[in-house]
């Protein structure tokens, strides 16, 4: 697919989902989806729309499961930690503020995944965003628990290792990801722009996502939009 088609797909997702995902355990009004980059056969990458609340046994976890602490990945999240993904985005919201890299470039946040069972018996993907201790300017956001947390942002040189399905998810991988994330984590700042720029970025070039995956993503968006329309 050419670059024009790529832009149309992302623009469609932006239009249908507002360019962002909101966490929810159950489907209410709208669909809680976000594009995820996942490992494909061989060394390729694939794209899928995934539900932002980790599922257990195919159904939404009854506990808080939209975020997962990096220091608990090898214990509490041991199973999903073996099925990892990346969340591509150019900003995130925390503490009522929008955070981004100074130049507004795309970056990737670590995620863990598990299967999600649909009403028709088919399976899609659910995910949880991995967080780390807040550093840099982002450390100014303090939670109700009295600590600072922020997304675990991974640089490009860590993407292959994180997505490698043959790499066991353990304490060693956590330590590597934590160390690799320091520079980008310290670089994020409060964004002055409230404008969504995601549609003007080339998500497909961000990780060499193939044409079949683009078609899959577009098809999923249409299916979920139909579900949303029938549920409201």
Protein backbone atom coordinates (compact mmCIF):
# COMPACT_ATOMS: atom_id res chain seq x y z
CA UNK A 1 0.00 0.00 0.00
CA UNK A 2 1.32 3.45 -0.82
CA UNK A 3 1.90 6.29 1.64
CA UNK A 4 -1.40 7.94 0.74
CA UNK A 5 -3.30 4.79 1.71
CA UNK A 6 -1.30 4.59 4.92
CA UNK A 7 -2.32 8.11 5.87
CA UNK A 8 -5.96 7.35 5.08
CA UNK A 9 -5.93 4.34 7.42
CA UNK A 10 -4.47 6.32 10.31
CA UNK A 11 -6.79 9.24 9.58
CA UNK A 12 -9.72 6.79 9.70
CA UNK A 13 -8.65 5.51 13.10
CA UNK A 14 -8.21 9.08 14.29
CA UNK A 15 -11.69 9.98 13.05
CA UNK A 16 -13.43 6.93 14.50
CA UNK A 17 -11.61 6.73 17.83
CA UNK A 18 -10.58 10.34 18.40
CA UNK A 19 -6.87 9.56 18.19
CA UNK A 20 -6.75 8.13 21.70
CA UNK A 21 -7.90 5.23 23.85
CA UNK A 22 -9.62 5.39 27.21
CA UNK A 23 -9.35 2.53 29.68
CA UNK A 24 -12.41 0.51 30.62
CA UNK A 25 -13.01 -3.01 31.89
CA UNK A 26 -16.24 -3.55 29.97
CA UNK A 27 -17.63 -2.22 26.72
CA UNK A 28 -19.97 0.66 27.44
CA UNK A 29 -20.14 3.57 25.07
CA UNK A 30 -17.48 3.39 22.43
CA UNK A 31 -14.63 0.96 22.01
CA UNK A 32 -11.45 0.99 24.07
CA UNK A 33 -8.87 0.40 21.34
CA UNK A 34 -5.35 1.39 20.43
CA UNK A 35 -2.95 0.22 17.69
CA UNK A 36 -0.29 -2.19 18.98
CA UNK A 37 2.92 -3.29 17.28
CA UNK A 38 3.45 -7.02 17.71
CA UNK A 39 6.03 -9.55 16.50
CA UNK A 40 5.12 -11.32 13.28
CA UNK A 41 6.49 -14.52 11.78
CA UNK A 42 10.19 -14.27 11.12
CA UNK A 43 11.60 -10.89 12.03
CA UNK A 44 8.66 -8.80 10.83
CA UNK A 45 6.17 -6.65 12.68
CA UNK A 46 2.41 -6.63 12.57
CA UNK A 47 -0.25 -4.18 13.72
CA UNK A 48 -3.50 -4.92 15.55
CA UNK A 49 -6.13 -2.93 17.39
CA UNK A 50 -6.12 -4.05 21.03
CA UNK A 51 -8.30 -3.51 24.10
CA UNK A 52 -6.69 -1.39 26.82
CA UNK A 53 -7.42 -3.56 29.87
CA UNK A 54 -5.64 -6.88 30.23
CA UNK A 55 -7.91 -9.93 30.10
CA UNK A 56 -7.54 -13.14 32.12
CA UNK A 57 -9.02 -16.30 30.66
CA UNK A 58 -10.39 -14.25 27.78
CA UNK A 59 -12.43 -11.91 29.99
CA UNK A 60 -11.53 -8.57 31.63
CA UNK A 61 -9.42 -8.89 34.77
CA UNK A 62 -11.43 -8.00 37.87
CA UNK A 63 -8.47 -6.12 39.30
CA UNK A 64 -6.84 -2.95 37.93
CA UNK A 65 -5.21 -4.13 34.71
CA UNK A 66 -4.76 -1.17 32.35
CA UNK A 67 -1.26 -0.49 33.73
CA UNK A 68 1.37 -2.94 34.96
CA UNK A 69 4.36 -2.00 37.09
CA UNK A 70 7.78 -2.88 35.70
CA UNK A 71 8.91 -4.17 39.09
CA UNK A 72 6.02 -6.68 39.11
CA UNK A 73 6.32 -8.02 35.55
CA UNK A 74 8.30 -11.12 36.53
CA UNK A 75 5.91 -11.98 39.38
CA UNK A 76 2.32 -10.68 39.20
CA UNK A 77 2.34 -10.41 35.38
CA UNK A 78 4.56 -13.42 34.61
CA UNK A 79 2.22 -14.97 32.02
CA UNK A 80 1.39 -11.87 29.92
CA UNK A 81 5.04 -10.78 30.23
CA UNK A 82 5.88 -13.59 27.80
CA UNK A 83 3.69 -11.89 25.15
CA UNK A 84 5.00 -8.38 24.66
CA UNK A 85 4.09 -5.49 22.37
CA UNK A 86 4.80 -1.82 21.74
CA UNK A 87 2.32 1.06 21.87
CA UNK A 88 3.16 3.67 19.19
CA UNK A 89 2.14 7.22 20.05
CA UNK A 90 3.37 10.79 20.11
CA UNK A 91 1.97 11.86 23.50
CA UNK A 92 0.45 10.49 26.67
CA UNK A 93 -1.63 11.99 29.46
CA UNK A 94 -0.65 11.95 33.12
CA UNK A 95 -1.57 14.23 35.99
CA UNK A 96 -3.92 16.21 33.79
CA UNK A 97 -1.09 17.13 31.43
CA UNK A 98 -0.04 16.00 27.98
CA UNK A 99 3.53 14.68 27.80
CA UNK A 100 5.63 14.33 24.65
CA UNK A 101 9.18 14.42 23.34
CA UNK A 102 10.40 17.97 22.63
CA UNK A 103 10.38 17.47 18.85
CA UNK A 104 6.99 15.74 18.86
CA UNK A 105 8.37 12.54 17.34
CA UNK A 106 6.75 9.14 17.65
CA UNK A 107 7.92 6.90 20.46
CA UNK A 108 6.97 3.48 21.83
CA UNK A 109 5.77 2.38 25.25
CA UNK A 110 6.23 -1.19 26.47
CA UNK A 111 3.12 -3.34 26.78
CA UNK A 112 2.17 -6.90 27.72
CA UNK A 113 -0.72 -8.76 26.11
CA UNK A 114 -3.24 -11.56 26.50
CA UNK A 115 -6.12 -12.94 24.38
CA UNK A 116 -9.54 -11.31 24.53
CA UNK A 117 -12.68 -13.34 23.77
CA UNK A 118 -15.31 -11.56 21.68
CA UNK A 119 -19.05 -12.11 21.86
CA UNK A 120 -19.00 -14.06 18.58
CA UNK A 121 -16.37 -16.48 19.92
CA UNK A 122 -13.45 -14.98 18.01
CA UNK A 123 -10.29 -13.77 19.73
CA UNK A 124 -8.57 -10.40 19.62
CA UNK A 125 -5.91 -8.89 21.86
CA UNK A 126 -5.97 -7.08 25.18
CA UNK A 127 -3.03 -5.24 26.69
CA UNK A 128 -1.64 -3.46 29.70
CA UNK A 129 0.74 -0.50 29.52
CA UNK A 130 3.98 -1.00 31.46
CA UNK A 131 4.98 1.78 33.86
CA UNK A 132 8.21 2.69 35.62
CA UNK A 133 9.26 5.05 38.42
CA UNK A 134 8.96 8.64 37.23
CA UNK A 135 12.18 10.48 36.37
CA UNK A 136 13.03 13.82 34.79
CA UNK A 137 10.25 16.39 34.51
CA UNK A 138 7.65 13.59 34.60
CA UNK A 139 8.65 12.85 38.21
CA UNK A 140 6.67 15.95 39.22
CA UNK A 141 3.44 13.98 38.82
CA UNK A 142 2.67 12.30 42.16
CA UNK A 143 -0.08 9.70 42.46
CA UNK A 144 -2.56 9.30 45.31
CA UNK A 145 -0.18 6.67 46.69
CA UNK A 146 2.50 9.30 47.05
CA UNK A 147 4.78 8.05 44.28
CA UNK A 148 5.58 9.05 40.73
CA UNK A 149 4.92 6.63 37.87
CA UNK A 150 5.28 7.10 34.11
CA UNK A 151 5.10 4.87 31.00
CA UNK A 152 8.11 2.65 30.27
CA UNK A 153 9.32 4.30 27.05
CA UNK A 154 11.67 2.12 25.01
CA UNK A 155 14.22 3.42 22.49
CA UNK A 156 14.47 1.83 19.05
CA UNK A 157 17.57 -0.17 20.00
CA UNK A 158 15.47 -2.00 22.62
CA UNK A 159 12.47 -2.73 20.41
CA UNK A 160 13.76 -5.95 18.86
CA UNK A 161 14.73 -7.38 22.24
CA UNK A 162 11.38 -6.49 23.79
CA UNK A 163 9.39 -7.97 20.90
CA UNK A 164 11.52 -11.13 20.52
CA UNK A 165 9.12 -14.03 21.26
CA UNK A 166 12.09 -16.27 22.02
CA UNK A 167 13.36 -13.95 24.75
CA UNK A 168 12.04 -15.10 28.11
CA UNK A 169 10.34 -12.40 30.14
CA UNK A 170 12.26 -12.31 33.42
CA UNK A 171 14.03 -9.96 35.83
CA UNK A 172 16.97 -9.62 33.43
CA UNK A 173 14.76 -8.27 30.64
CA UNK A 174 13.09 -5.88 33.09
CA UNK A 175 16.48 -4.50 34.14
CA UNK A 176 17.55 -4.03 30.51
CA UNK A 177 14.31 -2.24 29.64
CA UNK A 178 14.55 0.02 32.70
CA UNK A 179 18.11 1.06 31.86
CA UNK A 180 17.34 1.56 28.17
CA UNK A 181 14.33 3.77 28.97
CA UNK A 182 16.22 6.34 31.05
CA UNK A 183 17.25 8.79 28.30
CA UNK A 184 13.82 9.07 26.65
CA UNK A 185 12.04 9.10 30.01
CA UNK A 186 14.14 12.07 31.09
CA UNK A 187 13.49 13.80 27.77
CA UNK A 188 9.67 13.95 27.87
CA UNK A 189 8.18 17.34 28.70
CA UNK A 190 4.75 18.88 29.04
CA UNK A 191 3.46 19.49 25.54
CA UNK A 192 2.08 22.94 24.76
CA UNK A 193 0.17 21.59 21.77
CA UNK A 194 -3.27 20.09 22.29
CA UNK A 195 -3.45 19.07 18.66
CA UNK A 196 -3.38 15.40 17.66
CA UNK A 197 -0.50 14.89 15.24
CA UNK A 198 -0.69 11.11 15.03
CA UNK A 199 -2.47 11.13 11.67
CA UNK A 200 0.36 13.10 10.09
CA UNK A 201 2.97 10.58 11.13
CA UNK A 202 3.96 7.51 9.16
CA UNK A 203 3.11 4.78 11.65
CA UNK A 204 3.75 2.17 9.00
CA UNK A 205 7.33 3.31 8.47
CA UNK A 206 7.86 3.52 12.25
CA UNK A 207 8.34 -0.22 12.41
CA UNK A 208 8.17 -1.59 8.87
CA UNK A 209 4.61 -2.86 9.26
CA UNK A 210 3.55 -4.88 6.23
CA UNK A 211 0.61 -4.30 3.92
CA UNK A 212 -1.37 -7.31 5.19
CA UNK A 213 -1.27 -5.85 8.70
CA UNK A 214 -2.53 -2.49 7.44
CA UNK A 215 -5.51 -4.22 5.87
CA UNK A 216 -6.10 -6.18 9.11
CA UNK A 217 -6.04 -3.00 11.17
CA UNK A 218 -8.47 -1.25 8.85
CA UNK A 219 -10.81 -4.28 8.89
CA UNK A 220 -10.73 -4.43 12.69
CA UNK A 221 -11.53 -0.73 12.92
CA UNK A 222 -14.61 -1.21 10.74
CA UNK A 223 -15.79 -4.23 12.77
CA UNK A 224 -15.39 -2.47 16.10
CA UNK A 225 -17.08 0.65 14.78
CA UNK A 226 -20.08 -1.49 13.84
CA UNK A 227 -20.11 -2.99 17.35
CA UNK A 228 -20.00 0.49 18.86
CA UNK A 229 -22.89 1.70 16.71
CA UNK A 230 -25.08 -1.25 17.72
CA UNK A 231 -24.28 -0.88 21.42
CA UNK A 232 -25.21 2.79 21.76
